[in-house]
Amino acid sequence: MSFQPPQNQSRGVCYGKRLGHLAVANNNGDVTIRKDIDLVNLRQDDAETLSKVYKRLKTGLKTKEWIEVVLYSPNEKLLAIGSHDNNIYVFETPTYSKSHIYKKSSSYITCIDFDLDSKYIRSVDGSYELLFFDMKKKNQDPHGPSNTQKTMWADQTCKLGWNVQGIYPKGCDGSHINTCAMSKDQKMIATGDDYGFVSFYRNPCLEKHKGLHYMGHSEHVTTVKFAGDGKTVFSVGGQD
């Protein structure tokens, strides 16, 4: 809905606190890295540092499709980029040399989660397919669901999986839930849906588990995110 050109629009942004890097992906498929940024203590007169580009990853991506998700691994040694060209691109920091391209998804990438050890990622795409990828072997793990049963994940943005099967109200399809997130202590799941609700569940949320539902947005909730302390949730949605 923006009047700005695609190169001035972004849906994928991620901050590496220890690196001091801000990764910004625009709707042309270009990714830029801004260096030495302390977003935690950012002052108003420091805001111009956000525009200083350290690296451009455009030639590494070779795609003009827009990017929905950009994510640093917990150890901040990897940057994963999920594109609408159906691929996941992984870069090694701080040089941002390209590590691997995962091409197993049949549709555009909507969600990516790293495990706490930065050894696995899981993704969900536009066809509602949940896939798992081994960072060390650099391949898709077809047995990912069983091989990661005891894996601790850094977040739960993927809205498919055993522990989030109960987030879907009865009679609603997969498109009803737009966004999902997990608290840092892994005790709570938050979701945002098409009806303007932000909902909370205990983790794991299995079928028929009940949650708390709060209305605030005028319509679709597009993003929910827990703050680091786990006591606050930020939500974006609708046209408000």
Protein backbone atom coordinates (compact mmCIF):
# COMPACT_ATOMS: atom_id res chain seq x y z
CA MET A 1 0.00 0.00 0.00
CA SER A 2 3.07 2.23 0.06
CA PHE A 3 3.63 4.95 -2.53
CA GLN A 4 7.38 4.34 -2.26
CA PRO A 5 9.18 2.24 -4.93
CA PRO A 6 10.02 -1.41 -4.06
CA GLN A 7 13.66 -0.57 -3.30
CA ASN A 8 12.43 1.72 -0.51
CA GLN A 9 10.09 -0.86 1.04
CA SER A 10 11.09 -3.66 3.41
CA ARG A 11 9.35 -6.55 5.15
CA GLY A 12 12.52 -8.32 6.31
CA VAL A 13 14.69 -6.65 8.96
CA CYS A 14 16.94 -8.25 11.59
CA TYR A 15 19.39 -6.92 14.17
CA GLY A 16 22.53 -8.73 15.32
CA LYS A 17 23.20 -7.21 18.72
CA ARG A 18 26.70 -8.64 19.24
CA LEU A 19 27.71 -7.88 15.66
CA GLY A 20 26.19 -4.43 15.75
CA HIS A 21 24.76 -5.18 12.31
CA LEU A 22 21.33 -4.41 10.92
CA ALA A 23 20.22 -6.52 7.92
CA VAL A 24 17.56 -4.89 5.73
CA ALA A 25 15.93 -6.65 2.77
CA ASN A 26 13.87 -4.60 0.33
CA ASN A 27 11.04 -5.61 -1.96
CA ASN A 28 13.42 -5.83 -4.92
CA GLY A 29 15.26 -8.74 -3.34
CA ASP A 30 18.31 -6.67 -2.33
CA VAL A 31 19.86 -7.05 1.13
CA THR A 32 22.05 -4.42 2.77
CA ILE A 33 23.99 -4.62 6.03
CA ARG A 34 24.39 -1.52 8.21
CA LYS A 35 27.41 -1.71 10.54
CA ASP A 36 28.24 -0.57 14.10
CA ILE A 37 24.63 0.12 15.04
CA ASP A 38 23.56 -0.02 18.67
CA LEU A 39 19.79 -0.12 18.40
CA VAL A 40 19.44 -0.64 22.15
CA ASN A 41 21.01 2.73 22.98
CA LEU A 42 20.22 4.54 19.74
CA ARG A 43 19.82 8.30 20.17
CA GLN A 44 17.86 10.53 17.84
CA ASP A 45 21.01 12.22 16.55
CA ASP A 46 22.48 8.78 15.75
CA ALA A 47 19.64 7.87 13.40
CA GLU A 48 21.62 8.84 10.29
CA THR A 49 23.96 5.89 10.95
CA LEU A 50 21.11 3.60 9.88
CA SER A 51 21.62 4.74 6.29
CA LYS A 52 25.33 3.82 6.14
CA VAL A 53 25.71 0.63 4.12
CA TYR A 54 28.48 -1.80 5.11
CA LYS A 55 27.68 -4.65 2.71
CA ARG A 56 25.34 -5.26 -0.24
CA LEU A 57 24.28 -8.84 -0.83
CA LYS A 58 22.44 -8.23 -4.09
CA THR A 59 24.92 -10.09 -6.32
CA GLY A 60 24.83 -13.06 -3.98
CA LEU A 61 21.05 -13.42 -4.16
CA LYS A 62 20.48 -12.98 -7.90
CA THR A 63 16.75 -12.58 -7.40
CA LYS A 64 14.25 -9.76 -7.82
CA GLU A 65 11.57 -11.39 -5.70
CA TRP A 66 10.78 -9.67 -2.43
CA ILE A 67 12.03 -11.08 0.85
CA GLU A 68 9.73 -11.78 3.76
CA VAL A 69 12.14 -13.04 6.42
CA VAL A 70 15.72 -12.20 7.45
CA LEU A 71 17.18 -13.88 10.53
CA TYR A 72 20.52 -14.04 12.34
CA SER A 73 21.37 -17.33 14.02
CA PRO A 74 21.59 -17.28 17.86
CA ASN A 75 25.41 -17.26 17.69
CA GLU A 76 25.18 -14.57 14.97
CA LYS A 77 27.60 -16.51 12.74
CA LEU A 78 24.95 -17.03 10.06
CA LEU A 79 22.34 -14.89 8.33
CA ALA A 80 19.37 -16.72 6.78
CA ILE A 81 17.24 -15.03 4.13
CA GLY A 82 13.88 -16.41 2.98
CA SER A 83 12.85 -15.16 -0.44
CA HIS A 84 9.71 -15.26 -2.56
CA ASP A 85 11.79 -17.07 -5.19
CA ASN A 86 11.23 -20.18 -2.97
CA ASN A 87 14.85 -20.31 -1.80
CA ILE A 88 16.63 -19.88 1.54
CA TYR A 89 20.02 -18.16 1.32
CA VAL A 90 22.55 -18.55 4.14
CA PHE A 91 25.54 -16.22 4.58
CA GLU A 92 28.47 -16.46 7.01
CA THR A 93 29.15 -13.39 9.13
CA PRO A 94 30.90 -11.04 9.50
CA THR A 95 32.21 -11.32 5.93
CA TYR A 96 28.77 -12.29 4.53
CA SER A 97 30.28 -14.85 2.21
CA LYS A 98 27.57 -17.09 0.79
CA SER A 99 27.41 -20.42 2.60
CA HIS A 100 24.60 -22.28 0.85
CA ILE A 101 21.29 -22.01 -0.99
CA TYR A 102 18.46 -24.33 0.05
CA LYS A 103 16.10 -24.97 -2.87
CA LYS A 104 13.73 -27.62 -1.51
CA SER A 105 10.70 -25.42 -0.85
CA SER A 106 7.87 -25.56 -3.37
CA SER A 107 6.62 -22.04 -2.61
CA TYR A 108 7.76 -18.69 -1.21
CA ILE A 109 9.37 -18.65 2.24
CA THR A 110 7.24 -17.11 5.01
CA CYS A 111 8.99 -18.23 8.24
CA ILE A 112 12.41 -19.40 9.42
CA ASP A 113 13.51 -20.56 12.89
CA PHE A 114 17.02 -21.40 14.10
CA ASP A 115 17.66 -23.87 16.88
CA LEU A 116 19.51 -22.53 19.93
CA ASP A 117 22.76 -24.22 18.80
CA SER A 118 22.59 -22.65 15.32
CA LYS A 119 22.85 -26.12 13.75
CA TYR A 120 19.34 -26.47 12.29
CA ILE A 121 16.74 -24.29 10.66
CA ARG A 122 13.11 -25.03 9.96
CA SER A 123 10.94 -23.16 7.51
CA VAL A 124 7.34 -22.78 6.39
CA ASP A 125 6.43 -21.73 2.87
CA GLY A 126 3.38 -20.52 1.00
CA SER A 127 2.20 -24.08 0.41
CA TYR A 128 2.15 -24.68 4.20
CA GLU A 129 5.05 -27.13 4.07
CA LEU A 130 7.30 -27.48 7.12
CA LEU A 131 10.90 -28.34 6.18
CA PHE A 132 14.09 -28.89 8.19
CA PHE A 133 17.66 -28.12 7.11
CA ASP A 134 20.97 -29.27 8.61
CA MET A 135 23.44 -26.36 8.71
CA LYS A 136 26.52 -28.61 9.07
CA LYS A 137 25.64 -31.04 6.27
CA LYS A 138 24.11 -28.21 4.20
CA ASN A 139 21.12 -30.23 3.09
CA GLN A 140 17.45 -30.72 3.75
CA ASP A 141 16.73 -33.32 6.42
CA PRO A 142 13.71 -35.39 5.31
CA HIS A 143 13.59 -36.88 8.81
CA GLY A 144 13.73 -33.47 10.45
CA PRO A 145 10.58 -33.87 12.59
CA SER A 146 11.94 -37.01 14.26
CA ASN A 147 15.59 -35.90 14.35
CA THR A 148 14.70 -32.63 16.09
CA GLN A 149 12.29 -33.96 18.72
CA LYS A 150 14.62 -32.87 21.54
CA THR A 151 15.87 -29.75 19.78
CA MET A 152 15.40 -26.40 21.55
CA TRP A 153 14.41 -23.67 19.13
CA ALA A 154 15.27 -19.99 19.51
CA ASP A 155 11.78 -18.92 18.43
CA GLN A 156 8.51 -20.29 17.04
CA THR A 157 7.72 -18.12 14.05
CA CYS A 158 6.85 -21.25 12.05
CA LYS A 159 3.12 -21.69 12.46
CA LEU A 160 3.23 -25.42 11.74
CA GLY A 161 4.50 -28.18 14.02
CA TRP A 162 3.58 -30.46 16.87
CA ASN A 163 3.71 -27.81 19.60
CA VAL A 164 1.52 -25.26 17.74
CA GLN A 165 -1.16 -27.58 16.37
CA GLY A 166 -3.74 -26.04 18.70
CA ILE A 167 -3.39 -22.43 17.54
CA TYR A 168 -5.92 -22.93 14.74
CA PRO A 169 -9.59 -22.41 15.67
CA LYS A 170 -11.98 -25.12 14.57
CA GLY A 171 -13.10 -24.73 10.98
CA CYS A 172 -10.27 -22.36 9.98
CA ASP A 173 -7.58 -23.18 7.43
CA GLY A 174 -3.88 -22.39 7.63
CA SER A 175 -4.27 -18.87 6.26
CA HIS A 176 -6.26 -17.77 9.32
CA ILE A 177 -3.14 -17.41 11.49
CA ASN A 178 -0.75 -14.79 10.09
CA THR A 179 2.01 -14.76 12.68
CA CYS A 180 3.40 -16.76 15.56
CA ALA A 181 6.11 -16.20 18.21
CA MET A 182 7.50 -17.84 21.35
CA SER A 183 8.69 -16.25 24.58
CA LYS A 184 12.39 -16.57 25.41
CA ASP A 185 11.68 -18.94 28.33
CA GLN A 186 9.68 -21.07 25.85
CA LYS A 187 6.64 -21.15 28.13
CA MET A 188 4.26 -19.14 25.96
CA ILE A 189 3.12 -18.90 22.33
CA ALA A 190 1.58 -15.74 20.85
CA THR A 191 -0.32 -15.52 17.55
CA GLY A 192 -2.01 -12.90 15.40
CA ASP A 193 -4.95 -13.68 13.12
CA ASP A 194 -7.20 -12.35 10.37
CA TYR A 195 -9.83 -11.14 12.82
CA GLY A 196 -7.61 -8.66 14.66
CA PHE A 197 -6.93 -10.86 17.68
CA VAL A 198 -3.62 -11.32 19.49
CA SER A 199 -3.83 -14.68 21.29
CA PHE A 200 -1.71 -16.37 23.95
CA TYR A 201 -1.26 -20.07 24.70
CA ARG A 202 0.89 -22.20 26.93
CA ASN A 203 3.67 -24.00 25.05
CA PRO A 204 3.09 -26.63 23.74
CA CYS A 205 -0.34 -25.68 22.39
CA LEU A 206 -2.05 -28.90 21.39
CA GLU A 207 -5.50 -29.47 19.91
CA LYS A 208 -8.43 -28.26 22.05
CA HIS A 209 -6.11 -26.25 24.31
CA LYS A 210 -7.66 -22.90 25.18
CA GLY A 211 -5.96 -19.53 25.06
CA LEU A 212 -6.49 -15.87 25.90
CA HIS A 213 -7.61 -13.62 23.04
CA TYR A 214 -7.27 -9.83 22.94
CA MET A 215 -8.77 -7.45 20.40
CA GLY A 216 -7.02 -4.18 19.63
CA HIS A 217 -6.23 -3.95 15.93
CA SER A 218 -8.82 -2.90 13.37
CA GLU A 219 -8.25 -6.02 11.26
CA HIS A 220 -5.52 -8.53 10.28
CA VAL A 221 -2.64 -8.83 12.76
CA THR A 222 0.48 -9.34 10.64
CA THR A 223 3.25 -9.67 13.25
CA VAL A 224 3.67 -10.47 16.95
CA LYS A 225 7.01 -10.47 18.78
CA PHE A 226 8.04 -10.99 22.39
CA ALA A 227 10.41 -8.51 24.00
CA GLY A 228 13.61 -9.92 25.47
CA ASP A 229 12.22 -9.87 29.01
CA GLY A 230 9.22 -11.97 27.97
CA LYS A 231 6.84 -9.56 29.71
CA THR A 232 5.84 -7.50 26.69
CA VAL A 233 4.54 -8.43 23.26
CA PHE A 234 4.61 -6.08 20.27
CA SER A 235 2.04 -6.46 17.53
CA VAL A 236 1.55 -4.89 14.12
CA GLY A 237 -1.63 -5.16 12.12
CA GLY A 238 -4.50 -3.86 10.09
CA GLN A 239 -4.24 -0.32 8.84
CA ASP A 240 -3.79 1.15 12.32
